[in-house]
Amino acid sequence: MSSTGTVTLREIWDMLDQCAPGHARDAKTHHWRVTFGDRIFPTLPSGEHGARKPGQVEIQVGVVKKMARELGILECAKRTLPQLR
């Protein structure tokens, strides 16, 4: 588990698998684009340059909350990721 103010990318993918079944993630140059149904979160950070170890990248909690709100899965995300509570 990551520190209090961050969530690892692996934790985010696990949460999305549970809370947004059928979502799509598309890697861009400096971020991920996540879609779920007709909702889009276009700018999930891919991590600091030079520190992109798959799944270990840490993303700020505020960004994860914003993504969950945009995708309409905030309540499920809060149940899945204690950092969001």
PDB file of N, CA and C in Angstrom:
ATOM      1  N   MET A   1       0.851  -1.184   0.000  1.00  0.00           N
ATOM      2  CA  MET A   1       0.000   0.000   0.000  1.00  0.00           C
ATOM      3  C   MET A   1       0.890   1.239   0.000  1.00  0.00           C
ATOM      4  N   SER A   2       0.427   2.278  -0.612  1.00  0.00           N
ATOM      5  CA  SER A   2       1.199   3.510  -0.736  1.00  0.00           C
ATOM      6  C   SER A   2       1.035   4.396   0.495  1.00  0.00           C
ATOM      7  N   SER A   3       1.753   5.513   0.488  1.00  0.00           N
ATOM      8  CA  SER A   3       1.618   6.457   1.592  1.00  0.00           C
ATOM      9  C   SER A   3       0.229   7.091   1.575  1.00  0.00           C
ATOM     10  N   THR A   4      -0.122   7.796   2.635  1.00  0.00           N
ATOM     11  CA  THR A   4      -1.466   8.320   2.835  1.00  0.00           C
ATOM     12  C   THR A   4      -1.960   9.216   1.709  1.00  0.00           C
ATOM     13  N   GLY A   5      -1.103  10.099   1.174  1.00  0.00           N
ATOM     14  CA  GLY A   5      -1.538  11.060   0.174  1.00  0.00           C
ATOM     15  C   GLY A   5      -1.450  10.592  -1.256  1.00  0.00           C
ATOM     16  N   THR A   6      -1.088   9.313  -1.448  1.00  0.00           N
ATOM     17  CA  THR A   6      -0.952   8.802  -2.808  1.00  0.00           C
ATOM     18  C   THR A   6      -1.562   7.410  -2.941  1.00  0.00           C
ATOM     19  N   VAL A   7      -1.773   7.021  -4.182  1.00  0.00           N
ATOM     20  CA  VAL A   7      -2.295   5.705  -4.522  1.00  0.00           C
ATOM     21  C   VAL A   7      -1.425   5.175  -5.653  1.00  0.00           C
ATOM     22  N   THR A   8      -1.017   3.909  -5.581  1.00  0.00           N
ATOM     23  CA  THR A   8      -0.196   3.374  -6.667  1.00  0.00           C
ATOM     24  C   THR A   8      -1.064   3.119  -7.897  1.00  0.00           C
ATOM     25  N   LEU A   9      -0.427   3.142  -9.033  1.00  0.00           N
ATOM     26  CA  LEU A   9      -1.145   2.877 -10.276  1.00  0.00           C
ATOM     27  C   LEU A   9      -1.740   1.469 -10.257  1.00  0.00           C
ATOM     28  N   ARG A  10      -1.032   0.523  -9.670  1.00  0.00           N
ATOM     29  CA  ARG A  10      -1.562  -0.852  -9.568  1.00  0.00           C
ATOM     30  C   ARG A  10      -2.862  -0.860  -8.757  1.00  0.00           C
ATOM     31  N   GLU A  11      -2.897  -0.099  -7.652  1.00  0.00           N
ATOM     32  CA  GLU A  11      -4.122  -0.013  -6.841  1.00  0.00           C
ATOM     33  C   GLU A  11      -5.252   0.631  -7.642  1.00  0.00           C
ATOM     34  N   ILE A  12      -4.919   1.627  -8.454  1.00  0.00           N
ATOM     35  CA  ILE A  12      -5.931   2.288  -9.283  1.00  0.00           C
ATOM     36  C   ILE A  12      -6.494   1.310 -10.301  1.00  0.00           C
ATOM     37  N   TRP A  13      -5.619   0.547 -10.970  1.00  0.00           N
ATOM     38  CA  TRP A  13      -6.111  -0.425 -11.960  1.00  0.00           C
ATOM     39  C   TRP A  13      -7.001  -1.469 -11.282  1.00  0.00           C
ATOM     40  N   ASP A  14      -6.605  -1.954 -10.099  1.00  0.00           N
ATOM     41  CA  ASP A  14      -7.433  -2.926  -9.374  1.00  0.00           C
ATOM     42  C   ASP A  14      -8.791  -2.333  -9.017  1.00  0.00           C
ATOM     43  N   MET A  15      -8.791  -1.073  -8.555  1.00  0.00           N
ATOM     44  CA  MET A  15     -10.046  -0.399  -8.213  1.00  0.00           C
ATOM     45  C   MET A  15     -10.928  -0.252  -9.450  1.00  0.00           C
ATOM     46  N   LEU A  16     -10.337   0.152 -10.575  1.00  0.00           N
ATOM     47  CA  LEU A  16     -11.117   0.308 -11.805  1.00  0.00           C
ATOM     48  C   LEU A  16     -11.686  -1.036 -12.273  1.00  0.00           C
ATOM     49  N   ASP A  17     -10.910  -2.100 -12.152  1.00  0.00           N
ATOM     50  CA  ASP A  17     -11.418  -3.429 -12.527  1.00  0.00           C
ATOM     51  C   ASP A  17     -12.652  -3.788 -11.715  1.00  0.00           C
ATOM     52  N   GLN A  18     -12.658  -3.403 -10.437  1.00  0.00           N
ATOM     53  CA  GLN A  18     -13.782  -3.716  -9.558  1.00  0.00           C
ATOM     54  C   GLN A  18     -14.945  -2.745  -9.733  1.00  0.00           C
ATOM     55  N   CYS A  19     -14.655  -1.445  -9.818  1.00  0.00           N
ATOM     56  CA  CYS A  19     -15.704  -0.422  -9.798  1.00  0.00           C
ATOM     57  C   CYS A  19     -16.175   0.015 -11.179  1.00  0.00           C
ATOM     58  N   ALA A  20     -15.370  -0.228 -12.198  1.00  0.00           N
ATOM     59  CA  ALA A  20     -15.719   0.193 -13.555  1.00  0.00           C
ATOM     60  C   ALA A  20     -15.451  -0.948 -14.537  1.00  0.00           C
ATOM     61  N   PRO A  21     -16.170  -2.064 -14.369  1.00  0.00           N
ATOM     62  CA  PRO A  21     -15.927  -3.195 -15.266  1.00  0.00           C
ATOM     63  C   PRO A  21     -16.173  -2.783 -16.723  1.00  0.00           C
ATOM     64  N   GLY A  22     -15.247  -3.182 -17.574  1.00  0.00           N
ATOM     65  CA  GLY A  22     -15.365  -2.816 -18.980  1.00  0.00           C
ATOM     66  C   GLY A  22     -14.712  -1.496 -19.326  1.00  0.00           C
ATOM     67  N   HIS A  23     -14.058  -0.853 -18.364  1.00  0.00           N
ATOM     68  CA  HIS A  23     -13.376   0.412 -18.649  1.00  0.00           C
ATOM     69  C   HIS A  23     -12.234   0.162 -19.637  1.00  0.00           C
ATOM     70  N   ALA A  24     -11.782   1.230 -20.251  1.00  0.00           N
ATOM     71  CA  ALA A  24     -10.636   1.143 -21.164  1.00  0.00           C
ATOM     72  C   ALA A  24      -9.576   2.120 -20.699  1.00  0.00           C
ATOM     73  N   ARG A  25      -8.312   1.745 -20.849  1.00  0.00           N
ATOM     74  CA  ARG A  25      -7.194   2.631 -20.514  1.00  0.00           C
ATOM     75  C   ARG A  25      -6.258   2.688 -21.705  1.00  0.00           C
ATOM     76  N   ASP A  26      -5.899   3.886 -22.055  1.00  0.00           N
ATOM     77  CA  ASP A  26      -5.072   4.113 -23.232  1.00  0.00           C
ATOM     78  C   ASP A  26      -3.851   4.926 -22.802  1.00  0.00           C
ATOM     79  N   ALA A  27      -2.665   4.349 -22.949  1.00  0.00           N
ATOM     80  CA  ALA A  27      -1.426   5.033 -22.556  1.00  0.00           C
ATOM     81  C   ALA A  27      -1.070   6.093 -23.585  1.00  0.00           C
ATOM     82  N   LYS A  28      -0.906   7.300 -23.132  1.00  0.00           N
ATOM     83  CA  LYS A  28      -0.433   8.406 -23.956  1.00  0.00           C
ATOM     84  C   LYS A  28       1.018   8.685 -23.548  1.00  0.00           C
ATOM     85  N   THR A  29       1.624   9.717 -24.100  1.00  0.00           N
ATOM     86  CA  THR A  29       3.026  10.013 -23.816  1.00  0.00           C
ATOM     87  C   THR A  29       3.285  10.289 -22.338  1.00  0.00           C
ATOM     88  N   HIS A  30       2.463  11.135 -21.702  1.00  0.00           N
ATOM     89  CA  HIS A  30       2.712  11.531 -20.316  1.00  0.00           C
ATOM     90  C   HIS A  30       1.553  11.244 -19.378  1.00  0.00           C
ATOM     91  N   HIS A  31       0.534  10.539 -19.845  1.00  0.00           N
ATOM     92  CA  HIS A  31      -0.626  10.257 -19.007  1.00  0.00           C
ATOM     93  C   HIS A  31      -1.400   9.071 -19.575  1.00  0.00           C
ATOM     94  N   TRP A  32      -2.415   8.651 -18.831  1.00  0.00           N
ATOM     95  CA  TRP A  32      -3.354   7.621 -19.271  1.00  0.00           C
ATOM     96  C   TRP A  32      -4.692   8.283 -19.548  1.00  0.00           C
ATOM     97  N   ARG A  33      -5.396   7.792 -20.537  1.00  0.00           N
ATOM     98  CA  ARG A  33      -6.764   8.211 -20.804  1.00  0.00           C
ATOM     99  C   ARG A  33      -7.654   7.036 -20.402  1.00  0.00           C
ATOM    100  N   VAL A  34      -8.570   7.285 -19.468  1.00  0.00           N
ATOM    101  CA  VAL A  34      -9.444   6.232 -18.955  1.00  0.00           C
ATOM    102  C   VAL A  34     -10.869   6.532 -19.390  1.00  0.00           C
ATOM    103  N   THR A  35     -11.530   5.552 -19.990  1.00  0.00           N
ATOM    104  CA  THR A  35     -12.924   5.714 -20.387  1.00  0.00           C
ATOM    105  C   THR A  35     -13.766   4.612 -19.744  1.00  0.00           C
ATOM    106  N   PHE A  36     -14.985   4.992 -19.397  1.00  0.00           N
ATOM    107  CA  PHE A  36     -15.933   4.052 -18.816  1.00  0.00           C
ATOM    108  C   PHE A  36     -17.310   4.436 -19.326  1.00  0.00           C
ATOM    109  N   GLY A  37     -17.865   3.608 -20.185  1.00  0.00           N
ATOM    110  CA  GLY A  37     -19.135   3.957 -20.815  1.00  0.00           C
ATOM    111  C   GLY A  37     -18.930   5.200 -21.665  1.00  0.00           C
ATOM    112  N   ASP A  38     -19.769   6.214 -21.430  1.00  0.00           N
ATOM    113  CA  ASP A  38     -19.638   7.461 -22.192  1.00  0.00           C
ATOM    114  C   ASP A  38     -18.852   8.531 -21.429  1.00  0.00           C
ATOM    115  N   ARG A  39     -18.210   8.134 -20.319  1.00  0.00           N
ATOM    116  CA  ARG A  39     -17.440   9.081 -19.508  1.00  0.00           C
ATOM    117  C   ARG A  39     -15.943   8.913 -19.765  1.00  0.00           C
ATOM    118  N   ILE A  40     -15.243  10.044 -19.727  1.00  0.00           N
ATOM    119  CA  ILE A  40     -13.805  10.029 -20.027  1.00  0.00           C
ATOM    120  C   ILE A  40     -13.039  10.824 -18.966  1.00  0.00           C
ATOM    121  N   PHE A  41     -11.929  10.268 -18.511  1.00  0.00           N
ATOM    122  CA  PHE A  41     -10.957  11.008 -17.704  1.00  0.00           C
ATOM    123  C   PHE A  41      -9.670  10.995 -18.520  1.00  0.00           C
ATOM    124  N   PRO A  42      -9.363  12.118 -19.172  1.00  0.00           N
ATOM    125  CA  PRO A  42      -8.288  12.113 -20.171  1.00  0.00           C
ATOM    126  C   PRO A  42      -6.866  12.251 -19.642  1.00  0.00           C
ATOM    127  N   THR A  43      -6.666  12.535 -18.357  1.00  0.00           N
ATOM    128  CA  THR A  43      -5.314  12.877 -17.919  1.00  0.00           C
ATOM    129  C   THR A  43      -4.895  12.243 -16.586  1.00  0.00           C
ATOM    130  N   LEU A  44      -4.956  10.947 -16.476  1.00  0.00           N
ATOM    131  CA  LEU A  44      -4.425  10.275 -15.293  1.00  0.00           C
ATOM    132  C   LEU A  44      -2.905  10.215 -15.469  1.00  0.00           C
ATOM    133  N   PRO A  45      -2.140  10.831 -14.566  1.00  0.00           N
ATOM    134  CA  PRO A  45      -0.682  10.887 -14.732  1.00  0.00           C
ATOM    135  C   PRO A  45      -0.060   9.503 -14.853  1.00  0.00           C
ATOM    136  N   SER A  46       0.998   9.420 -15.646  1.00  0.00           N
ATOM    137  CA  SER A  46       1.716   8.153 -15.778  1.00  0.00           C
ATOM    138  C   SER A  46       2.925   8.108 -14.854  1.00  0.00           C
ATOM    139  N   GLY A  47       3.155   9.157 -14.082  1.00  0.00           N
ATOM    140  CA  GLY A  47       4.222   9.172 -13.090  1.00  0.00           C
ATOM    141  C   GLY A  47       5.355  10.106 -13.455  1.00  0.00           C
ATOM    142  N   GLU A  48       6.252  10.278 -12.506  1.00  0.00           N
ATOM    143  CA  GLU A  48       7.411  11.139 -12.716  1.00  0.00           C
ATOM    144  C   GLU A  48       8.288  10.560 -13.819  1.00  0.00           C
ATOM    145  N   HIS A  49       8.905  11.418 -14.586  1.00  0.00           N
ATOM    146  CA  HIS A  49       9.814  10.967 -15.631  1.00  0.00           C
ATOM    147  C   HIS A  49      10.962  10.190 -15.013  1.00  0.00           C
ATOM    148  N   GLY A  50      11.284   9.060 -15.592  1.00  0.00           N
ATOM    149  CA  GLY A  50      12.369   8.239 -15.080  1.00  0.00           C
ATOM    150  C   GLY A  50      11.974   7.332 -13.936  1.00  0.00           C
ATOM    151  N   ALA A  51      10.755   7.440 -13.445  1.00  0.00           N
ATOM    152  CA  ALA A  51      10.313   6.614 -12.309  1.00  0.00           C
ATOM    153  C   ALA A  51       9.109   5.772 -12.677  1.00  0.00           C
ATOM    154  N   ARG A  52       8.996   5.385 -13.910  1.00  0.00           N
ATOM    155  CA  ARG A  52       7.796   4.670 -14.370  1.00  0.00           C
ATOM    156  C   ARG A  52       7.960   3.160 -14.274  1.00  0.00           C
ATOM    157  N   LYS A  53       8.000   2.644 -13.083  1.00  0.00           N
ATOM    158  CA  LYS A  53       8.032   1.203 -12.879  1.00  0.00           C
ATOM    159  C   LYS A  53       6.583   0.744 -12.887  1.00  0.00           C
ATOM    160  N   PRO A  54       6.253  -0.201 -13.727  1.00  0.00           N
ATOM    161  CA  PRO A  54       4.849  -0.617 -13.859  1.00  0.00           C
ATOM    162  C   PRO A  54       4.178  -0.904 -12.520  1.00  0.00           C
ATOM    163  N   GLY A  55       3.071  -0.242 -12.283  1.00  0.00           N
ATOM    164  CA  GLY A  55       2.275  -0.478 -11.083  1.00  0.00           C
ATOM    165  C   GLY A  55       2.766   0.208  -9.834  1.00  0.00           C
ATOM    166  N   GLN A  56       4.010   0.681  -9.802  1.00  0.00           N
ATOM    167  CA  GLN A  56       4.553   1.277  -8.587  1.00  0.00           C
ATOM    168  C   GLN A  56       4.506   2.795  -8.597  1.00  0.00           C
ATOM    169  N   VAL A  57       4.098   3.379  -9.695  1.00  0.00           N
ATOM    170  CA  VAL A  57       3.974   4.828  -9.793  1.00  0.00           C
ATOM    171  C   VAL A  57       2.921   5.285  -8.788  1.00  0.00           C
ATOM    172  N   GLU A  58       3.193   6.378  -8.076  1.00  0.00           N
ATOM    173  CA  GLU A  58       2.234   6.884  -7.094  1.00  0.00           C
ATOM    174  C   GLU A  58       1.545   8.128  -7.634  1.00  0.00           C
ATOM    175  N   ILE A  59       0.222   8.139  -7.511  1.00  0.00           N
ATOM    176  CA  ILE A  59      -0.626   9.223  -7.993  1.00  0.00           C
ATOM    177  C   ILE A  59      -1.274   9.892  -6.785  1.00  0.00           C
ATOM    178  N   GLN A  60      -1.356  11.209  -6.795  1.00  0.00           N
ATOM    179  CA  GLN A  60      -1.958  11.962  -5.696  1.00  0.00           C
ATOM    180  C   GLN A  60      -3.436  11.584  -5.516  1.00  0.00           C
ATOM    181  N   VAL A  61      -3.869  11.489  -4.264  1.00  0.00           N
ATOM    182  CA  VAL A  61      -5.244  11.106  -3.928  1.00  0.00           C
ATOM    183  C   VAL A  61      -6.260  12.036  -4.596  1.00  0.00           C
ATOM    184  N   GLY A  62      -5.988  13.335  -4.637  1.00  0.00           N
ATOM    185  CA  GLY A  62      -6.927  14.280  -5.243  1.00  0.00           C
ATOM    186  C   GLY A  62      -7.193  13.985  -6.707  1.00  0.00           C
ATOM    187  N   VAL A  63      -6.184  13.551  -7.427  1.00  0.00           N
ATOM    188  CA  VAL A  63      -6.345  13.208  -8.847  1.00  0.00           C
ATOM    189  C   VAL A  63      -7.218  11.959  -8.978  1.00  0.00           C
ATOM    190  N   VAL A  64      -6.998  10.988  -8.087  1.00  0.00           N
ATOM    191  CA  VAL A  64      -7.772   9.746  -8.136  1.00  0.00           C
ATOM    192  C   VAL A  64      -9.243  10.027  -7.813  1.00  0.00           C
ATOM    193  N   LYS A  65      -9.488  10.887  -6.811  1.00  0.00           N
ATOM    194  CA  LYS A  65     -10.868  11.261  -6.475  1.00  0.00           C
ATOM    195  C   LYS A  65     -11.548  11.955  -7.653  1.00  0.00           C
ATOM    196  N   LYS A  66     -10.824  12.870  -8.288  1.00  0.00           N
ATOM    197  CA  LYS A  66     -11.380  13.584  -9.432  1.00  0.00           C
ATOM    198  C   LYS A  66     -11.738  12.603 -10.550  1.00  0.00           C
ATOM    199  N   MET A  67     -10.856  11.647 -10.813  1.00  0.00           N
ATOM    200  CA  MET A  67     -11.123  10.643 -11.837  1.00  0.00           C
ATOM    201  C   MET A  67     -12.373   9.829 -11.476  1.00  0.00           C
ATOM    202  N   ALA A  68     -12.465   9.392 -10.223  1.00  0.00           N
ATOM    203  CA  ALA A  68     -13.611   8.594  -9.787  1.00  0.00           C
ATOM    204  C   ALA A  68     -14.917   9.381  -9.927  1.00  0.00           C
ATOM    205  N   ARG A  69     -14.875  10.681  -9.583  1.00  0.00           N
ATOM    206  CA  ARG A  69     -16.061  11.534  -9.754  1.00  0.00           C
ATOM    207  C   ARG A  69     -16.453  11.618 -11.231  1.00  0.00           C
ATOM    208  N   GLU A  70     -15.461  11.894 -12.077  1.00  0.00           N
ATOM    209  CA  GLU A  70     -15.719  12.037 -13.519  1.00  0.00           C
ATOM    210  C   GLU A  70     -16.295  10.756 -14.115  1.00  0.00           C
ATOM    211  N   LEU A  71     -15.839   9.602 -13.630  1.00  0.00           N
ATOM    212  CA  LEU A  71     -16.311   8.328 -14.168  1.00  0.00           C
ATOM    213  C   LEU A  71     -17.593   7.845 -13.496  1.00  0.00           C
ATOM    214  N   GLY A  72     -18.033   8.547 -12.438  1.00  0.00           N
ATOM    215  CA  GLY A  72     -19.272   8.181 -11.736  1.00  0.00           C
ATOM    216  C   GLY A  72     -19.127   6.974 -10.823  1.00  0.00           C
ATOM    217  N   ILE A  73     -17.928   6.746 -10.280  1.00  0.00           N
ATOM    218  CA  ILE A  73     -17.688   5.566  -9.441  1.00  0.00           C
ATOM    219  C   ILE A  73     -17.101   5.932  -8.075  1.00  0.00           C
ATOM    220  N   LEU A  74     -17.303   7.154  -7.617  1.00  0.00           N
ATOM    221  CA  LEU A  74     -16.647   7.625  -6.395  1.00  0.00           C
ATOM    222  C   LEU A  74     -16.986   6.781  -5.169  1.00  0.00           C
ATOM    223  N   GLU A  75     -18.226   6.435  -4.966  1.00  0.00           N
ATOM    224  CA  GLU A  75     -18.596   5.670  -3.760  1.00  0.00           C
ATOM    225  C   GLU A  75     -17.920   4.306  -3.748  1.00  0.00           C
ATOM    226  N   CYS A  76     -17.902   3.628  -4.871  1.00  0.00           N
ATOM    227  CA  CYS A  76     -17.223   2.334  -4.959  1.00  0.00           C
ATOM    228  C   CYS A  76     -15.723   2.525  -4.746  1.00  0.00           C
ATOM    229  N   ALA A  77     -15.156   3.558  -5.333  1.00  0.00           N
ATOM    230  CA  ALA A  77     -13.728   3.824  -5.196  1.00  0.00           C
ATOM    231  C   ALA A  77     -13.361   4.062  -3.732  1.00  0.00           C
ATOM    232  N   LYS A  78     -14.211   4.769  -2.998  1.00  0.00           N
ATOM    233  CA  LYS A  78     -13.957   5.017  -1.571  1.00  0.00           C
ATOM    234  C   LYS A  78     -13.978   3.711  -0.777  1.00  0.00           C
ATOM    235  N   ARG A  79     -14.864   2.797  -1.144  1.00  0.00           N
ATOM    236  CA  ARG A  79     -14.914   1.502  -0.457  1.00  0.00           C
ATOM    237  C   ARG A  79     -13.684   0.658  -0.788  1.00  0.00           C
ATOM    238  N   THR A  80     -13.177   0.794  -1.978  1.00  0.00           N
ATOM    239  CA  THR A  80     -12.057  -0.019  -2.451  1.00  0.00           C
ATOM    240  C   THR A  80     -10.705   0.530  -2.017  1.00  0.00           C
ATOM    241  N   LEU A  81     -10.566   1.853  -2.018  1.00  0.00           N
ATOM    242  CA  LEU A  81      -9.283   2.488  -1.670  1.00  0.00           C
ATOM    243  C   LEU A  81      -9.446   3.328  -0.400  1.00  0.00           C
ATOM    244  N   PRO A  82      -8.957   2.851   0.728  1.00  0.00           N
ATOM    245  CA  PRO A  82      -9.113   3.580   1.986  1.00  0.00           C
ATOM    246  C   PRO A  82      -8.519   4.988   1.949  1.00  0.00           C
ATOM    247  N   GLN A  83      -7.526   5.232   1.104  1.00  0.00           N
ATOM    248  CA  GLN A  83      -6.910   6.546   1.012  1.00  0.00           C
ATOM    249  C   GLN A  83      -7.904   7.618   0.565  1.00  0.00           C
ATOM    250  N   LEU A  84      -8.969   7.225  -0.105  1.00  0.00           N
ATOM    251  CA  LEU A  84      -9.950   8.191  -0.643  1.00  0.00           C
ATOM    252  C   LEU A  84     -10.984   8.621   0.388  1.00  0.00           C
ATOM    253  N   ARG A  85     -11.055   7.964   1.521  1.00  0.00           N
ATOM    254  CA  ARG A  85     -12.073   8.300   2.524  1.00  0.00           C
ATOM    255  C   ARG A  85     -11.759   9.573   3.248  1.00  0.00           C
TER     256      ARG A  85
END
